[in-house]
C-alpha cells in the first residue's frame, strides 16, 4: 500500500514531466509550421548561344620524318668506324671506312687494260688511215679497207668498255667510304671493325631525321562519322586540312610549346584497326622530343557555331546520369533549384580576359535563357531546395566539392 506522504510529490512530478513533453513537442513541430530553411546563395549564369572552339583529342605517337638504314654498297672488311654513336650527323659525313686494298688493285688492273685497249685502237686507226688512199689506186682491195675499219670500230668499243669498267672500279673504291646521305641522329653501330659486310648482311647503323618529327594518330570510324554528321547539320565548321593546327601534350602533362600542322589524311580505314590514319608535322629544333614517344594530340581550328556550354563544375552526376541545377519557381513564388538531366558533348577551352575556362558543350537538356547554377551546388541538398541566385561577378568563393571534382572527368 502506497504511503500517503508520497502522493502529492508524485503528482507534482508527473505534472512537470507532462509540461516538458508538451514543450518539446511544440518545438519539434515549429519548422514544419514555418516551412523550409533559409534560401542558400548560389552563383548562376544565363545561357546564351556562342561560337566556341572545337578541339579533337587523340592518342598519337612520334616518328622520325626520315629514318634510314646505313648499308654498304660493296663487300669488304670494316677498317674503322668514323662517328660517335648517338651523335648528330651531317649529310655527307663519313661513317665507316672499308678495306680499300682489293678495290685499288682492281682499279690498277683496269687502268692497264684500258691503256692496252687504247693502244690497239691507235694501231687500228693508223691501219685504216693507211689503207684508205691505197684503195683508190687499187693497190689493196676494198675488203681489206673494210676489215681495217671494222677492227678500228671494235677497238673503239673495247676502249669504251674498259673506260666503263674503270669508272665502276673507281665508284666501288669510293663506296668503301660509307657516308651519310642525310643529316640526322645516328644510333649505335650494328657492325664492328673487322666484320665482313655487304649490302645483304644487314645495316651498319640506323639514322633518323627528327627535325621535324611526324605525329601519327588515328581517328576511329565512329568518331569520323560523328564529325561528318555535325558538319552536315551545320553544328561544326572545320578549316581546310592545311590550316588544321596540332598541339601535343607530353606524358608529364606539359604542353609542347610548338604547334604542328596536319599534312596527311588517309582516304580509307585501316583494315586492321578500322580507323583513319592522320599525320602532322611538328617542329623539333632542340631535339626535345624523340621518336617513339606517346602523346595526346589535340587538333584545333574547328568552330562550334551557336553552341550552349556551361563550366565543367556545373555538371553533376548521379546514378541516372549527368545533370545540372537550374533556377526554377516553386510554390508561393519561391525560387528553387531544379534538377535538369543533360546530354553533354565535348570539352572546350575558352580564353577570356582572366585566363581560360574549360566548358562542357550541352547537346540537349538546356535551352537559351536557362539560368544554370555554377557555384554553390554543394549547398543544394535536394532538388526543389530554396536558393538565392546571384551573378558571377558577385559570387563568393567555395571550396571544390567531390561532386564538382567528378564532373571534370571525360565521358
Protein backbone atom coordinates (compact mmCIF):
# COMPACT_ATOMS: atom_id res chain seq x y z
CA UNK A 1 0.00 0.00 0.00
CA UNK A 2 1.38 3.37 -1.03
CA UNK A 3 2.25 5.73 1.70
CA UNK A 4 0.10 8.87 1.69
CA UNK A 5 3.17 11.01 2.29
CA UNK A 6 4.49 10.48 -1.31
CA UNK A 7 1.22 11.04 -3.19
CA UNK A 8 1.44 14.89 -3.53
CA UNK A 9 5.12 14.73 -4.58
CA UNK A 10 4.47 12.14 -7.27
CA UNK A 11 1.53 14.14 -8.61
CA UNK A 12 3.68 17.26 -8.86
CA UNK A 13 6.49 15.38 -10.70
CA UNK A 14 4.15 13.87 -13.21
CA UNK A 15 2.66 17.28 -13.94
CA UNK A 16 6.07 18.84 -14.58
CA UNK A 17 7.05 15.94 -16.88
CA UNK A 18 3.86 16.36 -18.90
CA UNK A 19 4.53 20.10 -19.34
CA UNK A 20 8.11 19.39 -20.53
CA UNK A 21 6.92 16.83 -23.10
CA UNK A 22 4.34 19.27 -24.43
CA UNK A 23 7.02 21.94 -24.80
CA UNK A 24 9.33 19.60 -26.70
CA UNK A 25 6.54 18.56 -29.00
CA UNK A 26 5.81 22.17 -29.87
CA UNK A 27 9.49 22.90 -30.51
CA UNK A 28 9.89 19.99 -32.90
CA UNK A 29 6.88 20.87 -34.94
CA UNK A 30 7.88 24.51 -35.38
CA UNK A 31 9.98 24.08 -38.58
CA UNK A 32 7.14 22.16 -40.21
CA UNK A 33 4.79 25.02 -39.41
CA UNK A 34 7.14 27.67 -40.78
CA UNK A 35 8.33 25.69 -43.92
CA UNK A 36 11.90 25.09 -45.27
CA UNK A 37 15.21 26.60 -44.20
CA UNK A 38 16.50 29.94 -45.44
CA UNK A 39 17.43 30.14 -49.19
CA UNK A 40 21.08 29.39 -49.98
CA UNK A 41 23.14 31.80 -52.08
CA UNK A 42 24.32 30.33 -55.39
CA UNK A 43 26.02 31.74 -58.48
CA UNK A 44 24.20 31.35 -61.78
CA UNK A 45 24.79 32.19 -65.43
CA UNK A 46 22.24 32.78 -68.14
CA UNK A 47 22.84 30.57 -71.18
CA UNK A 48 23.45 32.35 -74.47
CA UNK A 49 24.48 30.74 -77.78
CA UNK A 50 28.09 31.43 -78.73
CA UNK A 51 30.74 30.28 -81.20
CA UNK A 52 33.16 28.01 -79.38
CA UNK A 53 36.47 26.48 -80.46
CA UNK A 54 36.22 22.80 -81.35
CA UNK A 55 39.18 20.66 -80.33
CA UNK A 56 39.51 16.95 -81.05
CA UNK A 57 41.84 14.87 -78.92
CA UNK A 58 43.51 11.60 -79.87
CA UNK A 59 46.38 9.37 -78.80
CA UNK A 60 49.41 9.83 -81.03
CA UNK A 61 52.92 8.57 -81.47
CA UNK A 62 56.01 10.48 -82.57
CA UNK A 63 58.03 9.22 -85.54
CA UNK A 64 61.13 10.42 -87.33
CA UNK A 65 60.28 12.29 -90.51
CA UNK A 66 63.02 10.30 -92.24
CA UNK A 67 64.55 7.09 -90.96
CA UNK A 68 67.06 5.07 -92.96
CA UNK A 69 69.42 2.12 -92.60
CA UNK A 70 73.08 2.71 -93.40
CA UNK A 71 74.23 -0.18 -95.60
CA UNK A 72 77.46 -0.75 -97.58
CA UNK A 73 77.23 -0.79 -101.37
CA UNK A 74 80.24 -3.08 -101.77
CA UNK A 75 81.54 -6.15 -99.99
CA UNK A 76 84.51 -5.61 -97.73
CA UNK A 77 86.01 -5.62 -94.27
CA UNK A 78 85.28 -2.73 -91.90
CA UNK A 79 88.55 -0.99 -91.08
CA UNK A 80 87.27 1.90 -88.99
CA UNK A 81 84.14 3.47 -87.52
CA UNK A 82 84.26 7.22 -88.10
CA UNK A 83 81.39 8.55 -85.96
CA UNK A 84 80.35 8.85 -82.33
CA UNK A 85 77.37 6.66 -81.54
CA UNK A 86 74.22 8.63 -80.74
CA UNK A 87 75.57 11.88 -82.18
CA UNK A 88 74.19 14.36 -84.69
CA UNK A 89 75.37 13.55 -88.21
CA UNK A 90 75.65 15.91 -91.16
CA UNK A 91 74.78 14.97 -94.73
CA UNK A 92 77.85 13.55 -96.48
CA UNK A 93 79.72 12.85 -93.25
CA UNK A 94 81.88 9.66 -93.38
CA UNK A 95 80.60 6.89 -91.12
CA UNK A 96 82.63 3.75 -91.93
CA UNK A 97 85.82 3.02 -93.82
CA UNK A 98 86.12 -0.38 -95.55
CA UNK A 99 89.34 -2.07 -96.64
CA UNK A 100 90.38 -0.41 -99.93
CA UNK A 101 93.25 -2.75 -100.98
CA UNK A 102 91.19 -5.10 -103.22
CA UNK A 103 89.49 -2.18 -104.90
CA UNK A 104 92.75 -0.31 -105.51
CA UNK A 105 94.26 -3.44 -107.08
CA UNK A 106 91.26 -3.93 -109.35
CA UNK A 107 91.37 -0.32 -110.39
CA UNK A 108 95.04 -0.60 -111.32
CA UNK A 109 94.37 -3.72 -113.39
CA UNK A 110 91.56 -1.99 -115.24
CA UNK A 111 93.73 1.06 -115.87
CA UNK A 112 96.27 -1.25 -117.54
CA UNK A 113 93.53 -2.92 -119.58
CA UNK A 114 92.30 0.48 -120.70
CA UNK A 115 95.79 1.50 -121.76
CA UNK A 116 96.08 -1.71 -123.78
CA UNK A 117 92.71 -1.13 -125.43
CA UNK A 118 93.66 2.41 -126.37
CA UNK A 119 96.93 1.17 -127.90
CA UNK A 120 95.03 -1.32 -130.03
CA UNK A 121 92.66 1.40 -131.10
CA UNK A 122 95.53 3.66 -132.09
CA UNK A 123 97.04 0.86 -134.17
CA UNK A 124 93.68 0.11 -135.84
CA UNK A 125 93.13 3.78 -136.67
CA UNK A 126 96.58 4.03 -138.25
CA UNK A 127 95.91 0.89 -140.31
CA UNK A 128 92.58 2.18 -141.58
CA UNK A 129 94.14 5.56 -142.38
CA UNK A 130 96.98 3.89 -144.35
CA UNK A 131 94.66 1.69 -146.44
CA UNK A 132 92.19 4.38 -147.43
CA UNK A 133 94.32 6.02 -150.21
CA UNK A 134 95.56 2.62 -151.43
CA UNK A 135 92.04 1.56 -152.32
CA UNK A 136 91.77 4.49 -154.70
CA UNK A 137 94.89 3.31 -156.58
CA UNK A 138 93.61 -0.27 -156.36
CA UNK A 139 96.78 -1.29 -154.54
CA UNK A 140 94.59 -3.06 -151.97
CA UNK A 141 91.09 -4.35 -152.18
CA UNK A 142 88.04 -2.67 -150.73
CA UNK A 143 87.60 -5.69 -148.49
CA UNK A 144 90.96 -5.04 -146.82
CA UNK A 145 89.89 -1.49 -146.03
CA UNK A 146 86.52 -2.66 -144.70
CA UNK A 147 88.25 -5.15 -142.41
CA UNK A 148 90.56 -2.42 -141.12
CA UNK A 149 87.62 -0.09 -140.44
CA UNK A 150 85.77 -2.86 -138.58
CA UNK A 151 88.84 -3.58 -136.48
CA UNK A 152 89.07 0.13 -135.65
CA UNK A 153 85.42 0.26 -134.57
CA UNK A 154 85.80 -2.89 -132.45
CA UNK A 155 88.76 -1.36 -130.68
CA UNK A 156 86.82 1.84 -130.05
CA UNK A 157 84.11 -0.24 -128.39
CA UNK A 158 86.76 -2.07 -126.37
CA UNK A 159 88.13 1.24 -125.15
CA UNK A 160 84.65 2.41 -124.14
CA UNK A 161 84.06 -0.85 -122.26
CA UNK A 162 87.41 -0.57 -120.49
CA UNK A 163 86.63 3.03 -119.52
CA UNK A 164 83.25 1.94 -118.11
CA UNK A 165 84.85 -0.84 -116.07
CA UNK A 166 87.43 1.59 -114.75
CA UNK A 167 84.68 4.04 -113.78
CA UNK A 168 82.87 1.25 -111.92
CA UNK A 169 86.09 0.28 -110.17
CA UNK A 170 86.60 3.89 -109.11
CA UNK A 171 82.99 4.02 -107.89
CA UNK A 172 83.45 0.81 -105.87
CA UNK A 173 86.62 2.28 -104.39
CA UNK A 174 84.71 5.42 -103.41
CA UNK A 175 81.98 3.26 -101.86
CA UNK A 176 84.49 1.83 -99.39
CA UNK A 177 83.97 5.11 -97.55
CA UNK A 178 80.40 4.86 -96.29
CA UNK A 179 78.85 8.34 -95.97
CA UNK A 180 75.56 9.59 -94.55
CA UNK A 181 73.03 10.53 -97.24
CA UNK A 182 71.06 12.84 -94.89
CA UNK A 183 71.53 14.81 -91.70
CA UNK A 184 70.11 13.35 -88.51
CA UNK A 185 70.76 11.46 -85.29
CA UNK A 186 72.55 8.16 -85.59
CA UNK A 187 72.11 5.19 -83.30
CA UNK A 188 74.64 2.62 -82.18
CA UNK A 189 76.95 0.83 -84.63
CA UNK A 190 75.48 -2.55 -85.60
CA UNK A 191 78.75 -3.85 -87.08
CA UNK A 192 82.25 -3.64 -85.63
CA UNK A 193 85.75 -3.32 -87.06
CA UNK A 194 86.92 -6.47 -88.83
CA UNK A 195 83.43 -7.61 -89.81
CA UNK A 196 82.90 -8.66 -93.42
CA UNK A 197 79.87 -6.76 -94.65
CA UNK A 198 77.89 -6.42 -97.84
CA UNK A 199 74.58 -4.99 -98.97
CA UNK A 200 72.83 -8.21 -97.86
CA UNK A 201 74.40 -8.73 -94.43
CA UNK A 202 72.25 -6.15 -92.65
CA UNK A 203 72.58 -2.46 -91.77
CA UNK A 204 75.72 -0.90 -90.33
CA UNK A 205 73.69 1.65 -88.33
CA UNK A 206 70.37 3.45 -88.36
CA UNK A 207 69.93 7.18 -88.91
CA UNK A 208 66.86 9.29 -88.21
CA UNK A 209 65.93 12.86 -89.03
CA UNK A 210 63.97 14.19 -86.02
CA UNK A 211 63.52 17.82 -87.04
CA UNK A 212 60.77 17.94 -87.98
CA UNK A 213 59.00 14.98 -86.40
CA UNK A 214 55.88 13.22 -87.61
CA UNK A 215 52.94 12.86 -85.24
CA UNK A 216 50.83 9.90 -86.27
CA UNK A 217 47.35 9.36 -84.84
CA UNK A 218 44.13 7.63 -85.79
CA UNK A 219 40.52 8.74 -85.91
CA UNK A 220 38.09 5.95 -85.09
CA UNK A 221 35.38 5.30 -87.63
CA UNK A 222 32.56 6.20 -85.24
CA UNK A 223 34.34 9.47 -84.36
CA UNK A 224 34.70 10.36 -88.03
CA UNK A 225 31.03 9.54 -88.68
CA UNK A 226 30.04 11.81 -85.79
CA UNK A 227 32.19 14.62 -87.21
CA UNK A 228 30.64 14.14 -90.64
CA UNK A 229 27.14 14.31 -89.14
CA UNK A 230 27.95 17.54 -87.29
CA UNK A 231 29.38 19.06 -90.45
CA UNK A 232 26.31 18.11 -92.45
CA UNK A 233 23.99 19.53 -89.78
CA UNK A 234 25.92 22.79 -89.59
CA UNK A 235 26.86 22.21 -85.95
CA UNK A 236 30.57 22.16 -86.74
CA UNK A 237 32.91 24.07 -89.02
CA UNK A 238 36.40 22.80 -89.85
CA UNK A 239 39.22 24.60 -91.65
CA UNK A 240 40.97 23.14 -94.71
CA UNK A 241 43.42 20.35 -93.94
CA UNK A 242 46.49 22.54 -94.41
CA UNK A 243 45.17 25.02 -91.81
CA UNK A 244 44.48 22.48 -89.05
CA UNK A 245 46.86 23.11 -86.17
CA UNK A 246 48.04 20.37 -83.82
CA UNK A 247 49.05 20.71 -80.18
CA UNK A 248 50.67 17.84 -78.28
CA UNK A 249 50.59 17.07 -74.58
CA UNK A 250 53.50 15.09 -73.19
CA UNK A 251 53.41 12.22 -70.70
CA UNK A 252 54.03 14.54 -67.74
CA UNK A 253 51.02 16.67 -68.64
CA UNK A 254 53.02 19.59 -70.06
CA UNK A 255 52.14 21.15 -73.40
CA UNK A 256 54.86 21.23 -76.05
CA UNK A 257 55.40 24.92 -76.90
CA UNK A 258 55.49 24.50 -80.69
CA UNK A 259 52.47 23.56 -82.77
CA UNK A 260 52.36 21.33 -85.79
CA UNK A 261 50.20 21.11 -88.86
CA UNK A 262 48.18 18.24 -90.29
CA UNK A 263 49.61 17.28 -93.68
CA UNK A 264 48.14 13.86 -94.39
CA UNK A 265 44.72 12.24 -94.08
CA UNK A 266 44.19 8.75 -95.42
CA UNK A 267 41.18 8.25 -97.67
CA UNK A 268 40.41 4.78 -96.32
CA UNK A 269 40.23 2.99 -93.00
CA UNK A 270 42.95 0.69 -91.80
CA UNK A 271 41.61 -2.86 -92.28
CA UNK A 272 43.22 -3.96 -89.00
CA UNK A 273 42.12 -1.10 -86.74
CA UNK A 274 39.09 0.27 -88.55
CA UNK A 275 40.42 3.82 -88.10
CA UNK A 276 41.57 6.60 -90.40
CA UNK A 277 45.27 7.41 -90.27
CA UNK A 278 46.30 11.03 -89.82
CA UNK A 279 49.71 12.67 -89.72
CA UNK A 280 51.01 16.05 -88.63
CA UNK A 281 54.45 17.62 -88.96
CA UNK A 282 55.86 19.03 -85.72
CA UNK A 283 58.99 21.23 -85.43
CA UNK A 284 61.66 19.83 -83.10
CA UNK A 285 64.66 22.19 -83.36
CA UNK A 286 66.06 21.44 -79.89
CA UNK A 287 65.60 17.65 -80.17
CA UNK A 288 63.42 17.80 -77.05
CA UNK A 289 61.13 15.15 -78.49
CA UNK A 290 62.23 11.73 -79.66
CA UNK A 291 60.66 9.11 -81.94
CA UNK A 292 58.56 6.53 -80.17
CA UNK A 293 57.03 8.85 -77.56
CA UNK A 294 53.29 8.63 -76.99
CA UNK A 295 51.48 11.97 -76.76
CA UNK A 296 47.99 13.40 -76.58
CA UNK A 297 47.19 15.07 -79.88
CA UNK A 298 44.78 18.00 -79.96
CA UNK A 299 43.62 19.06 -83.41
CA UNK A 300 42.48 22.68 -83.29
CA UNK A 301 40.89 25.14 -85.68
CA UNK A 302 37.28 23.93 -85.67
CA UNK A 303 34.30 26.03 -84.56
CA UNK A 304 31.05 25.02 -82.87
CA UNK A 305 28.61 27.73 -84.04
CA UNK A 306 25.81 28.90 -81.72
CA UNK A 307 26.65 26.34 -79.07
CA UNK A 308 25.38 26.21 -75.49
CA UNK A 309 28.03 25.44 -72.89
CA UNK A 310 28.41 25.51 -69.11
CA UNK A 311 31.51 25.36 -66.89
CA UNK A 312 32.51 21.82 -66.10
CA UNK A 313 32.00 22.34 -62.38
CA UNK A 314 28.28 22.96 -63.03
CA UNK A 315 27.70 19.43 -64.35
CA UNK A 316 26.87 16.86 -61.68
CA UNK A 317 26.43 13.12 -61.99
CA UNK A 318 24.36 10.53 -60.17
CA UNK A 319 23.07 7.05 -60.83
CA UNK A 320 20.75 8.36 -63.57
CA UNK A 321 23.46 10.25 -65.46
CA UNK A 322 24.63 13.83 -65.77
CA UNK A 323 22.51 16.78 -64.67
CA UNK A 324 22.69 20.46 -63.75
CA UNK A 325 20.76 22.66 -61.40
CA UNK A 326 18.70 25.43 -63.00
CA UNK A 327 16.72 28.24 -61.42
CA UNK A 328 13.00 27.45 -61.17
CA UNK A 329 9.87 28.66 -59.44
CA UNK A 330 8.31 26.67 -56.63
CA UNK A 331 5.13 27.08 -54.63
CA UNK A 332 4.17 30.56 -53.42
CA UNK A 333 6.64 32.12 -55.93
CA UNK A 334 9.71 30.75 -54.16
CA UNK A 335 12.95 30.48 -56.20
CA UNK A 336 14.21 26.90 -56.08
CA UNK A 337 16.91 24.71 -57.63
CA UNK A 338 15.55 22.28 -60.19
CA UNK A 339 17.48 19.24 -61.40
CA UNK A 340 17.74 19.08 -65.21
CA UNK A 341 19.21 15.98 -66.94
CA UNK A 342 21.56 16.90 -69.78
CA UNK A 343 23.43 15.22 -72.61
CA UNK A 344 26.94 16.60 -72.83
CA UNK A 345 29.23 16.83 -75.83
CA UNK A 346 32.91 17.62 -75.93
CA UNK A 347 35.03 19.75 -73.66
CA UNK A 348 36.14 23.11 -74.99
CA UNK A 349 38.57 25.65 -73.63
CA UNK A 350 37.53 29.26 -73.95
CA UNK A 351 40.08 32.01 -73.46
CA UNK A 352 38.85 35.15 -71.70
CA UNK A 353 40.40 38.21 -70.15
CA UNK A 354 41.35 36.46 -66.90
CA UNK A 355 42.76 33.32 -68.49
CA UNK A 356 40.99 30.28 -69.86
CA UNK A 357 38.00 28.27 -68.76
CA UNK A 358 37.01 24.72 -69.61
CA UNK A 359 33.41 24.35 -70.67
CA UNK A 360 31.20 21.39 -71.40
CA UNK A 361 29.10 21.68 -74.54
CA UNK A 362 25.46 20.78 -73.91
CA UNK A 363 23.91 18.74 -76.70
CA UNK A 364 20.44 18.54 -75.16
CA UNK A 365 18.58 19.30 -71.94
CA UNK A 366 19.07 23.06 -71.79
CA UNK A 367 17.84 26.00 -73.84
CA UNK A 368 18.78 29.61 -74.42
CA UNK A 369 17.91 31.75 -71.41
CA UNK A 370 18.12 28.99 -68.81
CA UNK A 371 19.84 30.05 -65.61
CA UNK A 372 22.33 27.38 -64.57
CA UNK A 373 23.92 27.12 -61.13
CA UNK A 374 27.71 27.15 -61.49
CA UNK A 375 28.77 27.80 -57.88
CA UNK A 376 27.16 26.70 -54.64
CA UNK A 377 25.94 23.27 -55.75
CA UNK A 378 27.39 21.83 -52.53
CA UNK A 379 24.72 23.82 -50.64
CA UNK A 380 21.88 22.25 -52.64
CA UNK A 381 20.97 19.10 -50.73
CA UNK A 382 17.93 18.09 -52.79
CA UNK A 383 16.01 19.28 -55.88
CA UNK A 384 13.46 21.93 -55.02
CA UNK A 385 15.60 23.49 -52.32
CA UNK A 386 15.17 27.29 -52.00
CA UNK A 387 18.06 29.30 -53.44
CA UNK A 388 19.07 32.91 -53.82
CA UNK A 389 20.68 33.37 -57.29
CA UNK A 390 23.39 35.95 -57.86
CA UNK A 391 25.51 36.84 -60.94
CA UNK A 392 29.07 35.55 -61.33
CA UNK A 393 30.77 38.88 -60.56
CA UNK A 394 29.28 38.80 -57.04
CA UNK A 395 29.99 35.12 -56.32
CA UNK A 396 31.55 34.03 -53.09
CA UNK A 397 34.40 31.59 -53.11
CA UNK A 398 33.62 27.99 -52.27
CA UNK A 399 35.93 25.01 -51.77
CA UNK A 400 35.52 22.43 -54.56
CA UNK A 401 33.26 19.56 -53.59
CA UNK A 402 33.72 15.94 -54.51
CA UNK A 403 30.70 16.19 -56.80
CA UNK A 404 32.20 19.12 -58.68
CA UNK A 405 35.53 17.38 -58.99
CA UNK A 406 33.95 14.33 -60.60
CA UNK A 407 32.42 16.45 -63.37
CA UNK A 408 35.83 17.12 -64.93
CA UNK A 409 36.32 13.51 -66.00
CA UNK A 410 35.95 12.53 -69.62
CA UNK A 411 32.66 10.98 -70.60
